[in-house]
Amino acid sequence: MMTSARSMKTVLVAGGAGFLGSRLCTRLLMSGADVICVDNLQTGYLSNIDLLTGQPNFSFIKHDITFPLTLRKQVDEIYNLACPASPPMYQIDPIHTLKTCVLGALNLLDLARDNGATILQASTSEVYGDPLFSPQAEGYHGNVNPVGPRACYDEGKRAAETLFHDYSLQHGVTVKIARIFNTYGPGMSPNDGRVVSNFAVQALRGEPITIYGDGAQTRSFCYVDDLLDGLIALMATPDDVNYPVNLGNDGEFTIADLARLILNKTGSTSKIVYNPIPVDDPQQRRPDLGLAKMVLGWQPKVTLEEGLNATIPWFRSQLKANSHRAESAA
């Protein structure tokens, strides 16, 4: 029996040509959804969605969500992943970053309200700032500098959470809020600017591994497939799960540990160099996953070693392809 067009769930993914968004689009298409990918291509790439373009249940709209979005069809779910997540990227135009977080959230919340759609906000562990407590649970209100170089992103995401909370109360919009901790995996751009991509690319090129500070600061690294499982599980929760939920991996590693692990896995002879630590760089980052385990029945499965085993070959292939393109253009 044929399935009618409206019986198919329609899902909009803002930031859908980015690292997380493109993989989420793929997962949603595989689950039988009709997927609308929206991206302004600031940090997303059409190459990320090459294999999806042309499929009957996939469409792409180039659009900046700081402006209202008009659609020709009704949507059932919205994932808001639209914002650069890497400090070097979101600091290029901090005002636009803040607009993306705040005006983008407003525009997509209005769209969700008008469509009766459930909307998920990709928030961030950065709302905790440089935390005074570890691990960080959702009830911790954070330690954020509102006028520092990271504030456009940190405070923008905090403001977006407030908007989601208030739209839920004032307009009855069904909202979900995921506080995402460091995520990595195949599909990341070599120019991403975050620590896993930086270290892997430097090691593969034989360049010095650049550590900012003494390397004792800690991070928790979540493999992309685990994170997507968490996002999809959160979207599927009952309407009353309208509060922030941490999604990440609670394994904690120093930055120096990560550098040594990547050097070992790449077989690189790169040396480690130390530079001054950036302003407001968090000293510790580790999620408390108790709520995610209880409410979603979710926890990460992929260890850092396993994830790097899949990620390093991706970066190697990207660097090789870039080298071939440069040679062809010469």
Protein backbone atom coordinates (compact mmCIF):
# COMPACT_ATOMS: atom_id res chain seq x y z
CA MET A 1 0.00 0.00 0.00
CA MET A 2 1.35 3.45 -0.92
CA THR A 3 2.11 5.88 1.92
CA SER A 4 0.41 9.26 1.51
CA ALA A 5 2.60 12.35 1.34
CA ARG A 6 1.24 13.85 4.59
CA SER A 7 1.62 10.62 6.55
CA MET A 8 5.38 11.07 6.11
CA LYS A 9 6.94 13.14 8.88
CA THR A 10 8.51 16.37 7.60
CA VAL A 11 11.60 17.53 9.47
CA LEU A 12 13.50 20.78 9.04
CA VAL A 13 17.19 20.79 9.98
CA ALA A 14 18.64 24.29 10.32
CA GLY A 15 22.40 24.13 9.89
CA GLY A 16 21.78 20.97 7.89
CA ALA A 17 24.88 21.28 5.69
CA GLY A 18 27.21 21.37 8.68
CA PHE A 19 29.10 18.58 10.40
CA LEU A 20 26.29 17.45 12.69
CA GLY A 21 23.42 18.65 10.54
CA SER A 22 24.38 16.76 7.38
CA ARG A 23 24.73 13.49 9.26
CA LEU A 24 21.43 14.13 11.02
CA CYS A 25 19.75 14.74 7.65
CA THR A 26 21.08 11.38 6.45
CA ARG A 27 19.79 9.59 9.55
CA LEU A 28 16.35 11.20 9.23
CA LEU A 29 16.08 10.31 5.54
CA MET A 30 17.01 6.72 6.33
CA SER A 31 14.24 6.64 8.95
CA GLY A 32 11.67 7.59 6.28
CA ALA A 33 11.28 11.30 6.98
CA ASP A 34 10.87 14.08 4.44
CA VAL A 35 13.86 16.34 5.19
CA ILE A 36 14.27 20.06 4.54
CA CYS A 37 17.88 21.18 4.99
CA VAL A 38 18.39 24.90 5.66
CA ASP A 39 21.86 26.45 5.77
CA ASN A 40 23.51 29.77 4.91
CA LEU A 41 26.76 27.90 4.09
CA GLN A 42 28.83 30.06 6.42
CA THR A 43 30.43 26.98 7.97
CA GLY A 44 28.36 24.30 6.20
CA TYR A 45 29.30 22.84 2.82
CA LEU A 46 27.22 21.61 -0.09
CA SER A 47 29.72 18.76 -0.39
CA ASN A 48 28.40 17.48 2.97
CA ILE A 49 24.98 16.87 1.41
CA ASP A 50 26.08 15.80 -2.09
CA LEU A 51 24.78 12.29 -1.62
CA LEU A 52 21.40 13.58 -0.42
CA THR A 53 20.79 16.13 -3.16
CA GLY A 54 18.39 14.77 -5.74
CA GLN A 55 16.76 12.26 -3.43
CA PRO A 56 12.96 12.63 -3.64
CA ASN A 57 12.41 13.30 0.07
CA PHE A 58 15.24 15.80 0.50
CA SER A 59 15.34 19.51 -0.30
CA PHE A 60 17.88 22.24 0.38
CA ILE A 61 17.18 25.91 1.07
CA LYS A 62 20.02 28.40 1.28
CA HIS A 63 18.87 30.77 3.99
CA ASP A 64 20.19 32.71 6.97
CA ILE A 65 17.89 32.07 9.94
CA THR A 66 18.51 35.55 11.32
CA PHE A 67 15.74 36.36 8.82
CA PRO A 68 12.25 34.80 8.95
CA LEU A 69 11.78 31.63 6.92
CA THR A 70 8.67 30.93 4.83
CA LEU A 71 7.96 27.35 3.79
CA ARG A 72 5.61 25.88 1.21
CA LYS A 73 4.80 22.85 3.32
CA GLN A 74 3.99 22.11 6.94
CA VAL A 75 6.76 20.75 9.15
CA ASP A 76 6.38 18.40 12.11
CA GLU A 77 9.82 18.73 13.71
CA ILE A 78 12.58 21.32 13.66
CA TYR A 79 16.18 20.81 14.72
CA ASN A 80 18.01 24.11 15.29
CA LEU A 81 21.69 23.30 14.71
CA ALA A 82 22.42 26.60 12.96
CA CYS A 83 25.45 28.33 14.45
CA PRO A 84 29.22 27.96 14.16
CA ALA A 85 30.39 25.89 17.15
CA SER A 86 34.14 26.43 16.87
CA PRO A 87 35.63 29.48 18.67
CA PRO A 88 37.76 30.54 15.67
CA MET A 89 34.66 30.37 13.46
CA TYR A 90 32.10 32.05 15.72
CA GLN A 91 34.55 34.80 16.67
CA ILE A 92 34.98 35.89 13.02
CA ASP A 93 31.69 37.81 13.21
CA PRO A 94 30.57 37.78 16.84
CA ILE A 95 27.56 40.01 16.21
CA HIS A 96 26.24 37.67 13.54
CA THR A 97 26.91 34.72 15.88
CA LEU A 98 24.77 36.36 18.56
CA LYS A 99 22.07 37.18 16.00
CA THR A 100 22.07 33.56 14.81
CA CYS A 101 21.60 32.33 18.37
CA VAL A 102 18.89 34.82 19.35
CA LEU A 103 17.09 36.01 16.20
CA GLY A 104 17.52 32.56 14.67
CA ALA A 105 15.88 30.97 17.70
CA LEU A 106 13.02 33.49 17.55
CA ASN A 107 12.37 32.87 13.87
CA LEU A 108 12.42 29.10 14.20
CA LEU A 109 10.27 29.19 17.33
CA ASP A 110 7.71 31.28 15.43
CA LEU A 111 7.82 28.71 12.65
CA ALA A 112 7.31 25.89 15.16
CA ARG A 113 4.40 27.73 16.77
CA ASP A 114 2.72 28.39 13.42
CA ASN A 115 3.15 24.74 12.32
CA GLY A 116 2.41 23.06 15.64
CA ALA A 117 5.87 21.49 15.35
CA THR A 118 8.21 20.17 18.01
CA ILE A 119 11.49 22.10 18.00
CA LEU A 120 14.88 21.06 19.39
CA GLN A 121 17.57 23.58 20.29
CA ALA A 122 21.18 22.49 19.93
CA SER A 123 22.52 24.30 22.97
CA THR A 124 26.00 23.74 24.33
CA SER A 125 28.14 22.93 27.32
CA GLU A 126 29.49 26.46 26.84
CA VAL A 127 26.48 27.71 28.83
CA TYR A 128 28.42 26.49 31.87
CA GLY A 129 31.34 28.78 31.01
CA ASP A 130 34.49 28.06 33.02
CA PRO A 131 32.71 25.83 35.56
CA LEU A 132 33.36 25.96 39.27
CA PHE A 133 31.85 22.49 39.74
CA SER A 134 32.48 19.16 38.01
CA PRO A 135 30.85 17.23 36.53
CA GLN A 136 28.39 19.80 35.25
CA ALA A 137 24.74 18.92 35.86
CA GLU A 138 21.84 20.72 34.23
CA GLY A 139 20.99 22.50 37.49
CA TYR A 140 24.35 24.32 37.51
CA HIS A 141 23.86 27.89 36.28
CA GLY A 142 27.39 28.36 35.05
CA ASN A 143 30.26 30.84 35.27
CA VAL A 144 30.16 32.87 32.05
CA ASN A 145 31.86 36.17 31.21
CA PRO A 146 29.23 38.22 29.33
CA VAL A 147 31.82 40.57 27.77
CA GLY A 148 34.59 38.12 26.85
CA PRO A 149 35.60 36.88 23.39
CA ARG A 150 33.48 33.73 23.77
CA ALA A 151 30.40 35.60 25.02
CA CYS A 152 28.74 35.92 21.60
CA TYR A 153 28.34 32.14 21.58
CA ASP A 154 28.05 31.38 25.30
CA GLU A 155 25.51 34.10 26.07
CA GLY A 156 23.78 33.66 22.72
CA LYS A 157 23.07 30.03 23.52
CA ARG A 158 21.96 30.93 27.05
CA ALA A 159 19.53 33.49 25.62
CA ALA A 160 18.24 30.92 23.13
CA GLU A 161 17.48 28.53 25.99
CA THR A 162 15.51 31.31 27.69
CA LEU A 163 13.50 31.89 24.52
CA PHE A 164 12.74 28.18 24.19
CA HIS A 165 11.62 28.05 27.82
CA ASP A 166 9.39 31.11 27.44
CA TYR A 167 7.84 30.00 24.13
CA SER A 168 6.96 26.75 25.83
CA LEU A 169 5.22 28.59 28.67
CA GLN A 170 3.68 31.49 26.74
CA HIS A 171 2.79 29.90 23.41
CA GLY A 172 2.59 26.19 24.24
CA VAL A 173 5.34 25.28 21.78
CA THR A 174 6.75 21.79 22.36
CA VAL A 175 10.47 22.37 22.92
CA LYS A 176 13.55 20.23 23.54
CA ILE A 177 16.94 21.58 24.69
CA ALA A 178 20.14 19.57 24.24
CA ARG A 179 23.31 20.84 25.92
CA ILE A 180 25.93 19.34 23.63
CA PHE A 181 29.47 18.67 24.83
CA ASN A 182 32.51 18.43 22.51
CA THR A 183 31.59 16.28 19.50
CA TYR A 184 33.93 14.86 16.86
CA GLY A 185 34.02 12.27 14.12
CA PRO A 186 34.17 11.68 10.37
CA GLY A 187 32.65 14.57 8.45
CA MET A 188 34.45 17.30 10.38
CA SER A 189 36.18 19.87 8.22
CA PRO A 190 40.00 19.88 8.50
CA ASN A 191 39.56 23.63 9.08
CA ASP A 192 36.98 23.14 11.83
CA GLY A 193 39.20 24.82 14.44
CA ARG A 194 38.33 22.62 17.42
CA VAL A 195 40.89 20.62 19.28
CA VAL A 196 40.36 17.13 17.77
CA SER A 197 40.54 18.40 14.20
CA ASN A 198 43.44 20.74 15.00
CA PHE A 199 45.55 18.01 16.59
CA ALA A 200 44.73 15.38 13.96
CA VAL A 201 45.51 17.67 11.03
CA GLN A 202 48.72 18.98 12.62
CA ALA A 203 49.89 15.44 13.36
CA LEU A 204 49.11 14.17 9.87
CA ARG A 205 50.93 17.12 8.30
CA GLY A 206 53.91 16.71 10.60
CA GLU A 207 53.36 20.18 12.01
CA PRO A 208 53.83 21.08 15.70
CA ILE A 209 50.88 20.12 17.90
CA THR A 210 49.70 23.39 19.43
CA ILE A 211 48.50 23.21 23.03
CA TYR A 212 47.14 26.38 24.60
CA GLY A 213 48.08 26.61 28.26
CA ASP A 214 49.84 23.75 30.04
CA GLY A 215 47.56 21.03 28.64
CA ALA A 216 46.14 20.16 32.04
CA GLN A 217 42.69 21.52 31.19
CA THR A 218 40.17 18.75 30.56
CA ARG A 219 37.50 18.00 27.98
CA SER A 220 35.03 15.21 27.28
CA PHE A 221 34.74 14.00 23.69
CA CYS A 222 31.56 12.49 22.25
CA TYR A 223 31.58 10.54 18.99
CA VAL A 224 29.17 11.95 16.43
CA ASP A 225 26.99 8.83 16.08
CA ASP A 226 26.43 8.71 19.84
CA LEU A 227 25.44 12.37 19.85
CA LEU A 228 22.97 11.90 16.99
CA ASP A 229 21.40 8.97 18.84
CA GLY A 230 20.92 11.31 21.80
CA LEU A 231 19.38 14.11 19.73
CA ILE A 232 16.90 11.78 18.05
CA ALA A 233 16.01 10.19 21.40
CA LEU A 234 15.44 13.63 22.94
CA MET A 235 13.19 14.71 20.06
CA ALA A 236 11.06 11.60 20.65
CA THR A 237 10.43 12.26 24.35
CA PRO A 238 7.02 13.26 25.73
CA ASP A 239 6.02 16.93 25.54
CA ASP A 240 6.79 17.54 29.22
CA VAL A 241 10.51 16.89 28.65
CA ASN A 242 11.00 20.59 27.90
CA TYR A 243 14.09 21.22 30.02
CA PRO A 244 17.83 21.13 29.21
CA VAL A 245 19.47 17.71 28.95
CA ASN A 246 23.23 17.17 28.74
CA LEU A 247 24.43 15.10 25.76
CA GLY A 248 28.07 14.11 25.60
CA ASN A 249 30.59 11.55 26.78
CA ASP A 250 31.53 11.68 30.46
CA GLY A 251 35.02 10.28 29.91
CA GLU A 252 37.39 13.10 30.92
CA PHE A 253 40.79 13.66 29.30
CA THR A 254 43.40 16.37 29.58
CA ILE A 255 44.29 18.20 26.39
CA ALA A 256 47.82 16.82 26.75
CA ASP A 257 46.39 13.27 26.94
CA LEU A 258 44.50 13.89 23.70
CA ALA A 259 47.61 15.20 21.95
CA ARG A 260 49.65 12.15 22.96
CA LEU A 261 46.88 9.77 21.93
CA ILE A 262 46.60 11.34 18.47
CA LEU A 263 50.37 11.34 18.03
CA ASN A 264 50.40 7.65 18.87
CA LYS A 265 47.54 6.77 16.51
CA THR A 266 48.91 8.75 13.58
CA GLY A 267 52.52 7.63 14.10
CA SER A 268 53.45 11.29 13.73
CA THR A 269 56.81 12.73 14.80
CA SER A 270 55.25 16.14 15.41
CA LYS A 271 56.47 17.96 18.49
CA ILE A 272 54.15 19.48 21.08
CA VAL A 273 54.43 23.25 21.54
CA TYR A 274 52.75 25.36 24.19
CA ASN A 275 51.15 28.75 23.61
CA PRO A 276 49.39 31.13 26.04
CA ILE A 277 45.88 30.03 26.94
CA PRO A 278 43.05 32.10 25.38
CA VAL A 279 40.86 34.35 27.51
CA ASP A 280 37.98 32.51 29.23
CA ASP A 281 39.10 29.10 28.00
CA PRO A 282 37.40 26.59 30.37
CA GLN A 283 39.69 24.61 32.64
CA GLN A 284 37.36 21.65 33.03
CA ARG A 285 34.49 20.21 31.05
CA ARG A 286 32.67 16.98 31.88
CA PRO A 287 28.93 16.26 31.65
CA ASP A 288 26.79 14.74 34.34
CA LEU A 289 24.71 12.31 32.25
CA GLY A 290 22.34 11.18 34.96
CA LEU A 291 19.35 12.97 33.45
CA ALA A 292 20.01 11.71 29.92
CA LYS A 293 20.30 8.13 31.17
CA MET A 294 17.09 8.40 33.19
CA VAL A 295 14.89 10.36 30.76
CA LEU A 296 16.23 9.18 27.38
CA GLY A 297 17.60 5.76 28.27
CA TRP A 298 20.68 6.99 26.43
CA GLN A 299 24.39 6.89 27.11
CA PRO A 300 27.42 7.07 24.81
CA LYS A 301 28.89 3.81 23.55
CA VAL A 302 32.01 4.80 21.59
CA THR A 303 35.25 5.30 23.51
CA LEU A 304 37.69 8.05 22.55
CA GLU A 305 40.15 5.48 21.17
CA GLU A 306 37.46 3.84 19.05
CA GLY A 307 36.23 7.19 17.81
CA LEU A 308 39.70 8.38 16.86
CA ASN A 309 40.29 5.11 14.99
CA ALA A 310 37.39 6.09 12.72
CA THR A 311 38.11 9.84 12.63
CA ILE A 312 41.83 9.97 11.84
CA PRO A 313 41.44 8.09 8.51
CA TRP A 314 38.74 10.62 7.58
CA PHE A 315 41.15 13.52 8.09
CA ARG A 316 43.87 11.63 6.23
CA SER A 317 41.55 11.17 3.24
CA GLN A 318 40.51 14.84 3.29
CA LEU A 319 44.10 16.07 3.35
CA LYS A 320 44.98 13.73 0.49
CA ALA A 321 42.00 14.94 -1.56
CA ASN A 322 42.89 18.57 -0.89
CA SER A 323 46.46 17.89 -1.99
CA HIS A 324 45.27 16.30 -5.23
CA ARG A 325 43.00 19.26 -5.94
CA ALA A 326 45.85 21.69 -5.34
CA GLU A 327 48.11 19.73 -7.70
CA SER A 328 45.42 19.68 -10.40
CA ALA A 329 44.91 23.42 -10.09
CA ALA A 330 48.65 24.15 -10.33
